Amino acid sequence: MELTEMKVKCSFNSSLTIKAVYGHFATNHSHINYYIDLTTTKVRQKEAQAVARAMANEYVSSTVVDTIICMDGMEIIGAYLAEELTAAGIMSMNYHQSIYIITPESNSNGKLVFRDNLKPLVKNRHILLLLASATTGKTISKSLECIEYYGGYIQGISAIFSAVDSIDGYKINTIFTSNDLPNYKTFSQQNCPFCKQGERIHAIVSKNGYTELE
């Protein structure tokens, strides 16, 4: 199997595009047939701002947001999203009338944790969870468990790409879905057809990018 790269346009905003690579990839939770490359989307100023503007449309009516919790290196988009929500008149209930942008850490057991100095920005706060992508939804479930443990109130979940519509009763607001990619598939490691056919894994995918295998 050869790697094949393609550009994918957003179905409702043609100015928003992402890069997808067809192949055989492994994540922590599954094997997938597309690697969604969101590198420039997350770190290039104009693209990050455009994504944040599109995401803000889901929350401009009545959502209260105190804190945006960013996963997958989404802090830049998180900052732009906070600007868009503030400009749209979204209320914050915190003392400073400003939206916080924070990221949890992983402890030695793989659990998401917040340091003591960040705990007050989660407890009794209205939280928006922001992710780059979701394939199986396990990272979202892990994040929701963390937010609830620290006493936050989940107001919404947004992702650039998601292969799932909802997790634990929460709708995932996403810009790109698996319908935007021809025959997008995700498999458990045990049931991966590529592995059964002896197809080599092209790369290991993580939240920080991918590492090609020789």
N, C-alpha and C. Protein backbone atom coordinates (compact mmCIF):
# COMPACT_ATOMS: atom_id res chain seq x y z
N MET A 1 0.84 -1.20 0.00
CA MET A 1 0.00 0.00 0.00
C MET A 1 0.88 1.25 0.00
N GLU A 2 0.59 2.16 -0.90
CA GLU A 2 1.34 3.41 -0.99
C GLU A 2 0.59 4.53 -0.25
N LEU A 3 1.35 5.44 0.37
CA LEU A 3 0.74 6.59 1.01
C LEU A 3 0.19 7.53 -0.06
N THR A 4 -1.02 8.01 0.15
CA THR A 4 -1.65 8.93 -0.80
C THR A 4 -2.15 10.15 -0.04
N GLU A 5 -1.71 11.32 -0.45
CA GLU A 5 -2.07 12.56 0.24
C GLU A 5 -3.18 13.28 -0.51
N MET A 6 -4.12 13.86 0.24
CA MET A 6 -5.20 14.60 -0.37
C MET A 6 -5.60 15.78 0.51
N LYS A 7 -6.18 16.80 -0.11
CA LYS A 7 -6.72 17.94 0.63
C LYS A 7 -8.23 17.78 0.73
N VAL A 8 -8.76 18.09 1.91
CA VAL A 8 -10.18 17.92 2.17
C VAL A 8 -10.78 19.29 2.49
N LYS A 9 -11.84 19.65 1.77
CA LYS A 9 -12.52 20.91 2.02
C LYS A 9 -13.70 20.71 2.96
N CYS A 10 -13.91 21.70 3.80
CA CYS A 10 -15.06 21.68 4.71
C CYS A 10 -16.35 21.75 3.90
N SER A 11 -17.35 20.97 4.28
CA SER A 11 -18.60 20.91 3.52
C SER A 11 -19.40 22.20 3.59
N PHE A 12 -19.23 22.98 4.68
CA PHE A 12 -20.02 24.20 4.82
C PHE A 12 -19.19 25.49 4.72
N ASN A 13 -17.87 25.34 4.56
CA ASN A 13 -17.00 26.50 4.41
C ASN A 13 -15.79 26.09 3.59
N SER A 14 -15.82 26.37 2.29
CA SER A 14 -14.79 25.89 1.36
C SER A 14 -13.42 26.50 1.62
N SER A 15 -13.35 27.56 2.43
CA SER A 15 -12.06 28.18 2.72
C SER A 15 -11.28 27.39 3.77
N LEU A 16 -11.95 26.46 4.46
CA LEU A 16 -11.31 25.65 5.47
C LEU A 16 -10.93 24.30 4.87
N THR A 17 -9.65 23.96 4.94
CA THR A 17 -9.18 22.69 4.40
C THR A 17 -8.24 22.02 5.39
N ILE A 18 -8.15 20.70 5.30
CA ILE A 18 -7.17 19.94 6.06
C ILE A 18 -6.49 18.96 5.11
N LYS A 19 -5.35 18.43 5.55
CA LYS A 19 -4.62 17.46 4.74
C LYS A 19 -4.83 16.08 5.33
N ALA A 20 -5.15 15.12 4.49
CA ALA A 20 -5.32 13.73 4.93
C ALA A 20 -4.40 12.83 4.11
N VAL A 21 -3.82 11.85 4.77
CA VAL A 21 -2.92 10.90 4.11
C VAL A 21 -3.51 9.51 4.26
N TYR A 22 -3.75 8.85 3.13
CA TYR A 22 -4.29 7.50 3.16
C TYR A 22 -3.16 6.49 3.33
N GLY A 23 -3.35 5.56 4.27
CA GLY A 23 -2.34 4.54 4.52
C GLY A 23 -2.76 3.67 5.69
N HIS A 24 -1.79 3.08 6.36
CA HIS A 24 -2.04 2.20 7.50
C HIS A 24 -1.34 2.81 8.71
N PHE A 25 -2.13 3.32 9.66
CA PHE A 25 -1.59 4.05 10.80
C PHE A 25 -2.10 3.45 12.11
N ALA A 26 -1.28 3.58 13.14
CA ALA A 26 -1.65 3.07 14.47
C ALA A 26 -1.67 4.21 15.47
N THR A 27 -2.75 4.29 16.25
CA THR A 27 -2.84 5.23 17.36
C THR A 27 -2.76 4.46 18.67
N ASN A 28 -2.91 5.16 19.79
CA ASN A 28 -2.91 4.48 21.08
C ASN A 28 -4.11 3.54 21.24
N HIS A 29 -5.20 3.88 20.54
CA HIS A 29 -6.44 3.15 20.76
C HIS A 29 -6.89 2.30 19.58
N SER A 30 -6.37 2.55 18.39
CA SER A 30 -6.92 1.87 17.21
C SER A 30 -5.94 1.95 16.04
N HIS A 31 -6.32 1.27 14.96
CA HIS A 31 -5.65 1.43 13.67
C HIS A 31 -6.60 2.19 12.75
N ILE A 32 -6.06 3.07 11.94
CA ILE A 32 -6.87 3.90 11.06
C ILE A 32 -6.29 3.90 9.65
N ASN A 33 -7.15 4.21 8.66
CA ASN A 33 -6.66 4.22 7.28
C ASN A 33 -6.41 5.63 6.75
N TYR A 34 -6.59 6.63 7.61
CA TYR A 34 -6.24 8.00 7.24
C TYR A 34 -5.52 8.67 8.41
N TYR A 35 -4.41 9.34 8.10
CA TYR A 35 -3.80 10.24 9.08
C TYR A 35 -4.27 11.65 8.75
N ILE A 36 -4.91 12.29 9.70
CA ILE A 36 -5.39 13.67 9.51
C ILE A 36 -4.31 14.61 9.99
N ASP A 37 -3.65 15.28 9.06
CA ASP A 37 -2.54 16.17 9.40
C ASP A 37 -3.08 17.57 9.69
N LEU A 38 -3.13 17.92 10.98
CA LEU A 38 -3.68 19.21 11.41
C LEU A 38 -2.59 20.17 11.88
N THR A 39 -1.36 19.89 11.51
CA THR A 39 -0.23 20.69 12.00
C THR A 39 -0.39 22.16 11.68
N THR A 40 -0.50 22.48 10.39
CA THR A 40 -0.60 23.90 10.01
C THR A 40 -1.91 24.51 10.48
N THR A 41 -2.96 23.69 10.53
CA THR A 41 -4.26 24.19 11.00
C THR A 41 -4.15 24.70 12.44
N LYS A 42 -3.34 24.01 13.24
CA LYS A 42 -3.22 24.38 14.65
C LYS A 42 -2.23 25.51 14.90
N VAL A 43 -1.21 25.65 14.04
CA VAL A 43 -0.13 26.59 14.36
C VAL A 43 0.01 27.76 13.39
N ARG A 44 -0.65 27.71 12.24
CA ARG A 44 -0.58 28.84 11.31
C ARG A 44 -1.68 29.83 11.68
N GLN A 45 -1.31 31.07 11.88
CA GLN A 45 -2.21 32.07 12.46
C GLN A 45 -3.54 32.20 11.72
N LYS A 46 -3.52 32.36 10.42
CA LYS A 46 -4.76 32.59 9.68
C LYS A 46 -5.67 31.37 9.72
N GLU A 47 -5.07 30.18 9.60
CA GLU A 47 -5.88 28.97 9.63
C GLU A 47 -6.48 28.74 11.01
N ALA A 48 -5.67 28.95 12.05
CA ALA A 48 -6.15 28.77 13.42
C ALA A 48 -7.30 29.73 13.72
N GLN A 49 -7.17 30.95 13.27
CA GLN A 49 -8.21 31.95 13.50
C GLN A 49 -9.50 31.59 12.75
N ALA A 50 -9.36 31.08 11.51
CA ALA A 50 -10.53 30.70 10.73
C ALA A 50 -11.26 29.52 11.37
N VAL A 51 -10.50 28.56 11.89
CA VAL A 51 -11.11 27.42 12.58
C VAL A 51 -11.85 27.88 13.83
N ALA A 52 -11.22 28.77 14.60
CA ALA A 52 -11.85 29.28 15.81
C ALA A 52 -13.14 30.02 15.49
N ARG A 53 -13.14 30.76 14.41
CA ARG A 53 -14.34 31.51 14.01
C ARG A 53 -15.47 30.55 13.66
N ALA A 54 -15.13 29.47 12.96
CA ALA A 54 -16.16 28.48 12.60
C ALA A 54 -16.68 27.77 13.84
N MET A 55 -15.80 27.47 14.77
CA MET A 55 -16.23 26.78 16.00
C MET A 55 -17.12 27.65 16.86
N ALA A 56 -16.84 28.95 16.87
CA ALA A 56 -17.58 29.87 17.73
C ALA A 56 -19.06 29.92 17.39
N ASN A 57 -19.40 29.63 16.12
CA ASN A 57 -20.80 29.71 15.70
C ASN A 57 -21.71 28.78 16.49
N GLU A 58 -21.15 27.71 17.05
CA GLU A 58 -21.96 26.75 17.80
C GLU A 58 -22.36 27.28 19.18
N TYR A 59 -21.70 28.36 19.64
CA TYR A 59 -21.88 28.77 21.03
C TYR A 59 -22.32 30.22 21.21
N VAL A 60 -22.57 30.92 20.13
CA VAL A 60 -22.79 32.36 20.24
C VAL A 60 -24.15 32.74 20.80
N SER A 61 -25.08 31.79 20.91
CA SER A 61 -26.43 32.18 21.33
C SER A 61 -26.56 32.38 22.83
N SER A 62 -26.28 31.34 23.62
CA SER A 62 -26.55 31.47 25.05
C SER A 62 -25.56 30.74 25.95
N THR A 63 -24.49 30.19 25.39
CA THR A 63 -23.55 29.41 26.18
C THR A 63 -22.70 30.29 27.08
N VAL A 64 -22.54 29.88 28.32
CA VAL A 64 -21.62 30.54 29.25
C VAL A 64 -20.32 29.75 29.25
N VAL A 65 -19.20 30.43 29.05
CA VAL A 65 -17.89 29.77 29.03
C VAL A 65 -16.93 30.53 29.94
N ASP A 66 -16.41 29.83 30.94
CA ASP A 66 -15.38 30.40 31.81
C ASP A 66 -13.99 29.94 31.41
N THR A 67 -13.89 28.66 31.00
CA THR A 67 -12.59 28.06 30.75
C THR A 67 -12.65 27.18 29.51
N ILE A 68 -11.64 27.31 28.66
CA ILE A 68 -11.48 26.40 27.53
C ILE A 68 -10.33 25.46 27.86
N ILE A 69 -10.63 24.17 27.90
CA ILE A 69 -9.60 23.16 28.17
C ILE A 69 -9.13 22.60 26.83
N CYS A 70 -7.85 22.76 26.55
CA CYS A 70 -7.29 22.41 25.24
C CYS A 70 -6.51 21.10 25.31
N MET A 71 -6.84 20.19 24.41
CA MET A 71 -6.10 18.96 24.24
C MET A 71 -5.41 19.00 22.88
N ASP A 72 -4.44 18.11 22.68
CA ASP A 72 -3.82 17.91 21.36
C ASP A 72 -3.11 19.16 20.82
N GLY A 73 -2.57 20.00 21.69
CA GLY A 73 -1.86 21.19 21.22
C GLY A 73 -2.77 22.24 20.61
N MET A 74 -3.97 22.38 21.15
CA MET A 74 -4.96 23.30 20.59
C MET A 74 -4.98 24.67 21.26
N GLU A 75 -3.93 25.03 21.97
CA GLU A 75 -3.94 26.28 22.73
C GLU A 75 -4.08 27.52 21.86
N ILE A 76 -3.45 27.52 20.68
CA ILE A 76 -3.54 28.71 19.81
C ILE A 76 -4.98 28.89 19.33
N ILE A 77 -5.58 27.82 18.86
CA ILE A 77 -6.98 27.89 18.45
C ILE A 77 -7.85 28.24 19.65
N GLY A 78 -7.51 27.71 20.82
CA GLY A 78 -8.26 28.02 22.03
C GLY A 78 -8.26 29.51 22.34
N ALA A 79 -7.11 30.15 22.17
CA ALA A 79 -7.01 31.60 22.42
C ALA A 79 -7.86 32.39 21.42
N TYR A 80 -7.79 31.99 20.14
CA TYR A 80 -8.62 32.67 19.14
C TYR A 80 -10.11 32.42 19.39
N LEU A 81 -10.44 31.21 19.83
CA LEU A 81 -11.83 30.90 20.12
C LEU A 81 -12.34 31.76 21.28
N ALA A 82 -11.51 31.95 22.29
CA ALA A 82 -11.89 32.82 23.40
C ALA A 82 -12.16 34.24 22.91
N GLU A 83 -11.33 34.73 21.98
CA GLU A 83 -11.54 36.06 21.41
C GLU A 83 -12.87 36.14 20.66
N GLU A 84 -13.13 35.12 19.85
CA GLU A 84 -14.37 35.09 19.06
C GLU A 84 -15.60 35.05 19.97
N LEU A 85 -15.54 34.23 21.01
CA LEU A 85 -16.67 34.12 21.93
C LEU A 85 -16.89 35.42 22.70
N THR A 86 -15.80 36.04 23.12
CA THR A 86 -15.89 37.31 23.84
C THR A 86 -16.49 38.40 22.95
N ALA A 87 -16.01 38.44 21.70
CA ALA A 87 -16.51 39.45 20.75
C ALA A 87 -17.99 39.24 20.45
N ALA A 88 -18.44 37.97 20.52
CA ALA A 88 -19.84 37.65 20.23
C ALA A 88 -20.74 37.87 21.44
N GLY A 89 -20.14 38.26 22.57
CA GLY A 89 -20.94 38.56 23.76
C GLY A 89 -21.16 37.40 24.69
N ILE A 90 -20.38 36.30 24.50
CA ILE A 90 -20.49 35.16 25.41
C ILE A 90 -20.10 35.59 26.82
N MET A 91 -20.90 35.20 27.79
CA MET A 91 -20.65 35.61 29.17
C MET A 91 -19.68 34.67 29.86
N SER A 92 -18.87 35.23 30.73
CA SER A 92 -18.05 34.46 31.66
C SER A 92 -18.50 34.81 33.06
N MET A 93 -18.62 33.81 33.91
CA MET A 93 -19.10 34.03 35.27
C MET A 93 -17.97 34.28 36.25
N ASN A 94 -16.70 34.20 35.75
CA ASN A 94 -15.59 34.38 36.68
C ASN A 94 -15.37 35.86 37.00
N TYR A 95 -14.59 36.09 38.01
CA TYR A 95 -14.38 37.43 38.56
C TYR A 95 -13.83 38.41 37.53
N HIS A 96 -12.92 37.92 36.68
CA HIS A 96 -12.25 38.81 35.73
C HIS A 96 -13.02 38.99 34.42
N GLN A 97 -14.17 38.31 34.30
CA GLN A 97 -14.96 38.40 33.07
C GLN A 97 -14.11 38.10 31.83
N SER A 98 -13.27 37.10 31.95
CA SER A 98 -12.37 36.72 30.87
C SER A 98 -12.29 35.20 30.83
N ILE A 99 -12.08 34.65 29.63
CA ILE A 99 -12.04 33.20 29.47
C ILE A 99 -10.61 32.70 29.68
N TYR A 100 -10.47 31.65 30.49
CA TYR A 100 -9.18 31.03 30.72
C TYR A 100 -8.92 29.94 29.67
N ILE A 101 -7.67 29.76 29.29
CA ILE A 101 -7.27 28.69 28.36
C ILE A 101 -6.20 27.86 29.06
N ILE A 102 -6.53 26.59 29.37
CA ILE A 102 -5.62 25.75 30.13
C ILE A 102 -5.56 24.35 29.52
N THR A 103 -4.53 23.57 29.95
CA THR A 103 -4.32 22.21 29.47
C THR A 103 -3.95 21.31 30.64
N PRO A 104 -4.56 20.13 30.75
CA PRO A 104 -4.18 19.21 31.82
C PRO A 104 -2.88 18.49 31.50
N GLU A 105 -2.31 17.84 32.52
CA GLU A 105 -1.13 17.00 32.34
C GLU A 105 -1.55 15.54 32.52
N SER A 106 -0.67 14.63 32.10
CA SER A 106 -0.88 13.20 32.34
C SER A 106 0.07 12.75 33.44
N ASN A 107 -0.45 12.03 34.44
CA ASN A 107 0.42 11.53 35.50
C ASN A 107 1.03 10.19 35.08
N SER A 108 1.75 9.55 35.99
CA SER A 108 2.46 8.32 35.67
C SER A 108 1.52 7.17 35.33
N ASN A 109 0.27 7.28 35.73
CA ASN A 109 -0.73 6.24 35.43
C ASN A 109 -1.55 6.56 34.18
N GLY A 110 -1.19 7.65 33.50
CA GLY A 110 -1.91 8.03 32.30
C GLY A 110 -3.19 8.81 32.56
N LYS A 111 -3.44 9.16 33.82
CA LYS A 111 -4.63 9.94 34.17
C LYS A 111 -4.37 11.43 33.91
N LEU A 112 -5.40 12.13 33.48
CA LEU A 112 -5.29 13.57 33.29
C LEU A 112 -5.46 14.26 34.63
N VAL A 113 -4.56 15.21 34.92
CA VAL A 113 -4.58 15.91 36.20
C VAL A 113 -4.34 17.39 35.98
N PHE A 114 -4.81 18.20 36.94
CA PHE A 114 -4.51 19.63 36.97
C PHE A 114 -3.71 19.93 38.23
N ARG A 115 -2.70 20.75 38.10
CA ARG A 115 -1.92 21.20 39.25
C ARG A 115 -2.80 22.09 40.13
N ASP A 116 -2.36 22.25 41.37
CA ASP A 116 -3.16 23.00 42.35
C ASP A 116 -3.49 24.42 41.88
N ASN A 117 -2.54 25.04 41.16
CA ASN A 117 -2.77 26.42 40.73
C ASN A 117 -3.84 26.53 39.63
N LEU A 118 -4.12 25.41 38.94
CA LEU A 118 -5.12 25.44 37.89
C LEU A 118 -6.49 24.90 38.33
N LYS A 119 -6.52 24.21 39.45
CA LYS A 119 -7.78 23.62 39.92
C LYS A 119 -8.90 24.65 40.06
N PRO A 120 -8.62 25.88 40.58
CA PRO A 120 -9.70 26.86 40.70
C PRO A 120 -10.27 27.32 39.36
N LEU A 121 -9.54 27.07 38.26
CA LEU A 121 -10.02 27.46 36.93
C LEU A 121 -10.94 26.40 36.32
N VAL A 122 -11.08 25.27 37.05
CA VAL A 122 -11.96 24.19 36.60
C VAL A 122 -13.16 24.03 37.53
N LYS A 123 -12.93 24.05 38.84
CA LYS A 123 -13.98 23.80 39.81
C LYS A 123 -15.08 24.85 39.71
N ASN A 124 -16.31 24.39 39.53
CA ASN A 124 -17.51 25.24 39.41
C ASN A 124 -17.45 26.19 38.21
N ARG A 125 -16.60 25.88 37.24
CA ARG A 125 -16.51 26.70 36.03
C ARG A 125 -17.28 26.04 34.89
N HIS A 126 -17.71 26.87 33.95
CA HIS A 126 -18.37 26.39 32.75
C HIS A 126 -17.28 26.12 31.71
N ILE A 127 -17.17 24.84 31.32
CA ILE A 127 -16.02 24.38 30.55
C ILE A 127 -16.38 24.07 29.11
N LEU A 128 -15.52 24.51 28.19
CA LEU A 128 -15.59 24.09 26.79
C LEU A 128 -14.35 23.23 26.52
N LEU A 129 -14.57 22.01 26.06
CA LEU A 129 -13.48 21.08 25.77
C LEU A 129 -13.12 21.19 24.29
N LEU A 130 -11.84 21.37 24.01
CA LEU A 130 -11.37 21.61 22.65
C LEU A 130 -10.31 20.58 22.28
N LEU A 131 -10.54 19.85 21.17
CA LEU A 131 -9.61 18.82 20.71
C LEU A 131 -9.31 19.00 19.23
N ALA A 132 -8.17 18.44 18.82
CA ALA A 132 -7.84 18.46 17.39
C ALA A 132 -8.66 17.43 16.64
N SER A 133 -8.63 16.18 17.12
CA SER A 133 -9.36 15.13 16.42
C SER A 133 -9.80 14.05 17.39
N ALA A 134 -10.81 13.30 16.96
CA ALA A 134 -11.33 12.18 17.75
C ALA A 134 -11.62 11.04 16.80
N THR A 135 -11.00 9.89 17.04
CA THR A 135 -11.26 8.72 16.20
C THR A 135 -12.22 7.76 16.88
N THR A 136 -11.86 7.30 18.07
CA THR A 136 -12.73 6.39 18.81
C THR A 136 -13.52 7.10 19.90
N GLY A 137 -13.07 8.29 20.31
CA GLY A 137 -13.74 9.02 21.38
C GLY A 137 -13.17 8.73 22.77
N LYS A 138 -12.15 7.86 22.86
CA LYS A 138 -11.62 7.51 24.17
C LYS A 138 -10.92 8.68 24.85
N THR A 139 -10.23 9.52 24.06
CA THR A 139 -9.59 10.70 24.64
C THR A 139 -10.63 11.67 25.19
N ILE A 140 -11.76 11.80 24.49
CA ILE A 140 -12.83 12.67 24.97
C ILE A 140 -13.39 12.14 26.28
N SER A 141 -13.65 10.84 26.33
CA SER A 141 -14.17 10.24 27.57
C SER A 141 -13.22 10.47 28.73
N LYS A 142 -11.94 10.31 28.47
CA LYS A 142 -10.91 10.53 29.49
C LYS A 142 -10.92 11.99 29.95
N SER A 143 -11.07 12.90 29.00
CA SER A 143 -11.08 14.33 29.33
C SER A 143 -12.33 14.70 30.12
N LEU A 144 -13.48 14.15 29.73
CA LEU A 144 -14.73 14.43 30.45
C LEU A 144 -14.65 13.92 31.88
N GLU A 145 -14.07 12.75 32.06
CA GLU A 145 -13.90 12.18 33.40
C GLU A 145 -13.05 13.11 34.27
N CYS A 146 -12.00 13.66 33.67
CA CYS A 146 -11.12 14.58 34.38
C CYS A 146 -11.86 15.86 34.77
N ILE A 147 -12.59 16.44 33.83
CA ILE A 147 -13.31 17.69 34.09
C ILE A 147 -14.34 17.50 35.20
N GLU A 148 -15.07 16.40 35.12
CA GLU A 148 -16.09 16.13 36.13
C GLU A 148 -15.46 15.87 37.50
N TYR A 149 -14.31 15.20 37.50
CA TYR A 149 -13.62 14.92 38.76
C TYR A 149 -13.22 16.22 39.47
N TYR A 150 -12.77 17.20 38.68
CA TYR A 150 -12.33 18.48 39.26
C TYR A 150 -13.47 19.48 39.42
N GLY A 151 -14.70 19.05 39.17
CA GLY A 151 -15.85 19.89 39.48
C GLY A 151 -16.26 20.88 38.42
N GLY A 152 -15.84 20.65 37.16
CA GLY A 152 -16.24 21.56 36.09
C GLY A 152 -17.58 21.19 35.49
N TYR A 153 -18.25 22.18 34.90
CA TYR A 153 -19.53 21.97 34.21
C TYR A 153 -19.29 22.02 32.71
N ILE A 154 -19.52 20.91 32.04
CA ILE A 154 -19.21 20.82 30.62
C ILE A 154 -20.30 21.50 29.80
N GLN A 155 -19.90 22.51 29.04
CA GLN A 155 -20.83 23.29 28.23
C GLN A 155 -20.82 22.86 26.77
N GLY A 156 -19.73 22.23 26.32
CA GLY A 156 -19.66 21.83 24.92
C GLY A 156 -18.33 21.18 24.61
N ILE A 157 -18.30 20.45 23.50
CA ILE A 157 -17.09 19.80 23.00
C ILE A 157 -16.93 20.18 21.54
N SER A 158 -15.73 20.64 21.18
CA SER A 158 -15.45 21.00 19.79
C SER A 158 -14.17 20.31 19.33
N ALA A 159 -14.15 19.90 18.06
CA ALA A 159 -12.98 19.29 17.46
C ALA A 159 -12.87 19.74 16.01
N ILE A 160 -11.66 19.73 15.49
CA ILE A 160 -11.50 20.04 14.06
C ILE A 160 -12.03 18.87 13.24
N PHE A 161 -11.65 17.64 13.64
CA PHE A 161 -12.13 16.43 12.97
C PHE A 161 -12.62 15.44 14.00
N SER A 162 -13.75 14.82 13.72
CA SER A 162 -14.24 13.76 14.59
C SER A 162 -14.92 12.68 13.77
N ALA A 163 -14.59 11.43 14.09
CA ALA A 163 -15.23 10.29 13.44
C ALA A 163 -16.45 9.82 14.21
N VAL A 164 -16.70 10.42 15.37
CA VAL A 164 -17.86 10.06 16.19
C VAL A 164 -18.72 11.31 16.41
N ASP A 165 -20.03 11.11 16.54
CA ASP A 165 -20.98 12.22 16.66
C ASP A 165 -21.16 12.69 18.10
N SER A 166 -21.10 11.75 19.03
CA SER A 166 -21.33 12.09 20.44
C SER A 166 -20.61 11.09 21.33
N ILE A 167 -20.33 11.53 22.56
CA ILE A 167 -19.67 10.69 23.55
C ILE A 167 -20.35 10.93 24.90
N ASP A 168 -20.73 9.87 25.58
CA ASP A 168 -21.29 9.96 26.93
C ASP A 168 -22.45 10.95 27.01
N GLY A 169 -23.23 11.03 25.93
CA GLY A 169 -24.39 11.92 25.91
C GLY A 169 -24.09 13.34 25.48
N TYR A 170 -22.83 13.65 25.20
CA TYR A 170 -22.45 14.99 24.76
C TYR A 170 -22.24 15.01 23.25
N LYS A 171 -22.87 15.97 22.58
CA LYS A 171 -22.66 16.15 21.14
C LYS A 171 -21.26 16.70 20.89
N ILE A 172 -20.61 16.21 19.84
CA ILE A 172 -19.30 16.73 19.44
C ILE A 172 -19.50 17.67 18.27
N ASN A 173 -19.22 18.95 18.48
CA ASN A 173 -19.31 19.93 17.41
C ASN A 173 -18.00 19.90 16.63
N THR A 174 -18.08 19.53 15.37
CA THR A 174 -16.86 19.33 14.58
C THR A 174 -16.98 19.99 13.22
N ILE A 175 -15.83 20.36 12.66
CA ILE A 175 -15.80 21.00 11.34
C ILE A 175 -15.73 19.95 10.23
N PHE A 176 -14.91 18.93 10.45
CA PHE A 176 -14.77 17.85 9.48
C PHE A 176 -15.20 16.54 10.13
N THR A 177 -15.85 15.68 9.36
CA THR A 177 -16.27 14.37 9.85
C THR A 177 -15.71 13.28 8.94
N SER A 178 -15.92 12.04 9.32
CA SER A 178 -15.45 10.93 8.50
C SER A 178 -16.17 10.89 7.15
N ASN A 179 -17.33 11.54 7.05
CA ASN A 179 -18.04 11.61 5.76
C ASN A 179 -17.29 12.44 4.73
N ASP A 180 -16.36 13.29 5.21
CA ASP A 180 -15.58 14.11 4.28
C ASP A 180 -14.43 13.35 3.65
N LEU A 181 -14.16 12.12 4.15
CA LEU A 181 -13.07 11.30 3.65
C LEU A 181 -13.64 10.03 3.03
N PRO A 182 -13.20 9.67 1.83
CA PRO A 182 -13.73 8.47 1.18
C PRO A 182 -13.36 7.20 1.95
N ASN A 183 -14.40 6.51 2.45
CA ASN A 183 -14.21 5.20 3.09
C ASN A 183 -13.30 5.27 4.32
N TYR A 184 -13.47 6.30 5.13
CA TYR A 184 -12.68 6.40 6.37
C TYR A 184 -13.05 5.24 7.30
N LYS A 185 -12.03 4.58 7.86
CA LYS A 185 -12.27 3.45 8.74
C LYS A 185 -11.34 3.50 9.95
N THR A 186 -11.85 3.01 11.06
CA THR A 186 -11.03 2.81 12.24
C THR A 186 -11.27 1.39 12.75
N PHE A 187 -10.21 0.73 13.19
CA PHE A 187 -10.29 -0.67 13.59
C PHE A 187 -9.58 -0.87 14.93
N SER A 188 -10.03 -1.89 15.66
CA SER A 188 -9.23 -2.31 16.81
C SER A 188 -7.99 -3.02 16.28
N GLN A 189 -6.94 -3.06 17.09
CA GLN A 189 -5.71 -3.69 16.66
C GLN A 189 -5.94 -5.16 16.28
N GLN A 190 -6.83 -5.83 17.01
CA GLN A 190 -7.06 -7.25 16.78
C GLN A 190 -7.84 -7.50 15.48
N ASN A 191 -8.63 -6.50 15.06
CA ASN A 191 -9.49 -6.69 13.88
C ASN A 191 -9.07 -5.85 12.69
N CYS A 192 -7.84 -5.39 12.67
CA CYS A 192 -7.38 -4.55 11.56
C CYS A 192 -7.16 -5.40 10.31
N PRO A 193 -7.89 -5.13 9.22
CA PRO A 193 -7.74 -5.93 8.00
C PRO A 193 -6.37 -5.75 7.35
N PHE A 194 -5.76 -4.55 7.52
CA PHE A 194 -4.43 -4.34 6.95
C PHE A 194 -3.40 -5.27 7.60
N CYS A 195 -3.49 -5.38 8.93
CA CYS A 195 -2.58 -6.27 9.65
C CYS A 195 -2.80 -7.72 9.22
N LYS A 196 -4.06 -8.12 9.06
CA LYS A 196 -4.36 -9.49 8.66
C LYS A 196 -3.85 -9.81 7.26
N GLN A 197 -3.76 -8.77 6.41
CA GLN A 197 -3.25 -8.95 5.06
C GLN A 197 -1.74 -8.78 4.98
N GLY A 198 -1.12 -8.53 6.14
CA GLY A 198 0.33 -8.37 6.18
C GLY A 198 0.83 -7.01 5.74
N GLU A 199 -0.08 -6.03 5.68
CA GLU A 199 0.33 -4.67 5.30
C GLU A 199 1.09 -4.01 6.46
N ARG A 200 2.22 -3.45 6.17
CA ARG A 200 3.02 -2.83 7.23
C ARG A 200 2.37 -1.53 7.70
N ILE A 201 2.62 -1.17 8.95
CA ILE A 201 2.16 0.10 9.49
C ILE A 201 3.09 1.20 9.00
N HIS A 202 2.53 2.23 8.40
CA HIS A 202 3.35 3.31 7.87
C HIS A 202 3.89 4.23 8.96
N ALA A 203 3.06 4.48 9.99
CA ALA A 203 3.49 5.43 11.02
C ALA A 203 2.68 5.24 12.29
N ILE A 204 3.30 5.62 13.41
CA ILE A 204 2.62 5.67 14.70
C ILE A 204 2.12 7.10 14.90
N VAL A 205 0.84 7.23 15.19
CA VAL A 205 0.21 8.55 15.32
C VAL A 205 -0.04 8.86 16.79
N SER A 206 0.30 10.08 17.20
CA SER A 206 0.01 10.55 18.55
C SER A 206 -0.58 11.95 18.46
N LYS A 207 -0.87 12.53 19.62
CA LYS A 207 -1.45 13.89 19.64
C LYS A 207 -0.46 14.92 19.10
N ASN A 208 0.85 14.59 19.10
CA ASN A 208 1.86 15.54 18.66
C ASN A 208 2.25 15.37 17.20
N GLY A 209 1.69 14.37 16.52
CA GLY A 209 2.03 14.15 15.12
C GLY A 209 2.20 12.66 14.84
N TYR A 210 3.15 12.34 13.97
CA TYR A 210 3.36 10.94 13.64
C TYR A 210 4.85 10.65 13.48
N THR A 211 5.19 9.37 13.64
CA THR A 211 6.56 8.91 13.46
C THR A 211 6.54 7.76 12.47
N GLU A 212 7.20 7.94 11.32
CA GLU A 212 7.21 6.90 10.30
C GLU A 212 8.05 5.71 10.77
N LEU A 213 7.60 4.52 10.36
CA LEU A 213 8.33 3.30 10.66
C LEU A 213 9.13 2.90 9.42
N GLU A 214 10.37 2.49 9.65
CA GLU A 214 11.25 2.11 8.53
C GLU A 214 10.77 0.78 7.93
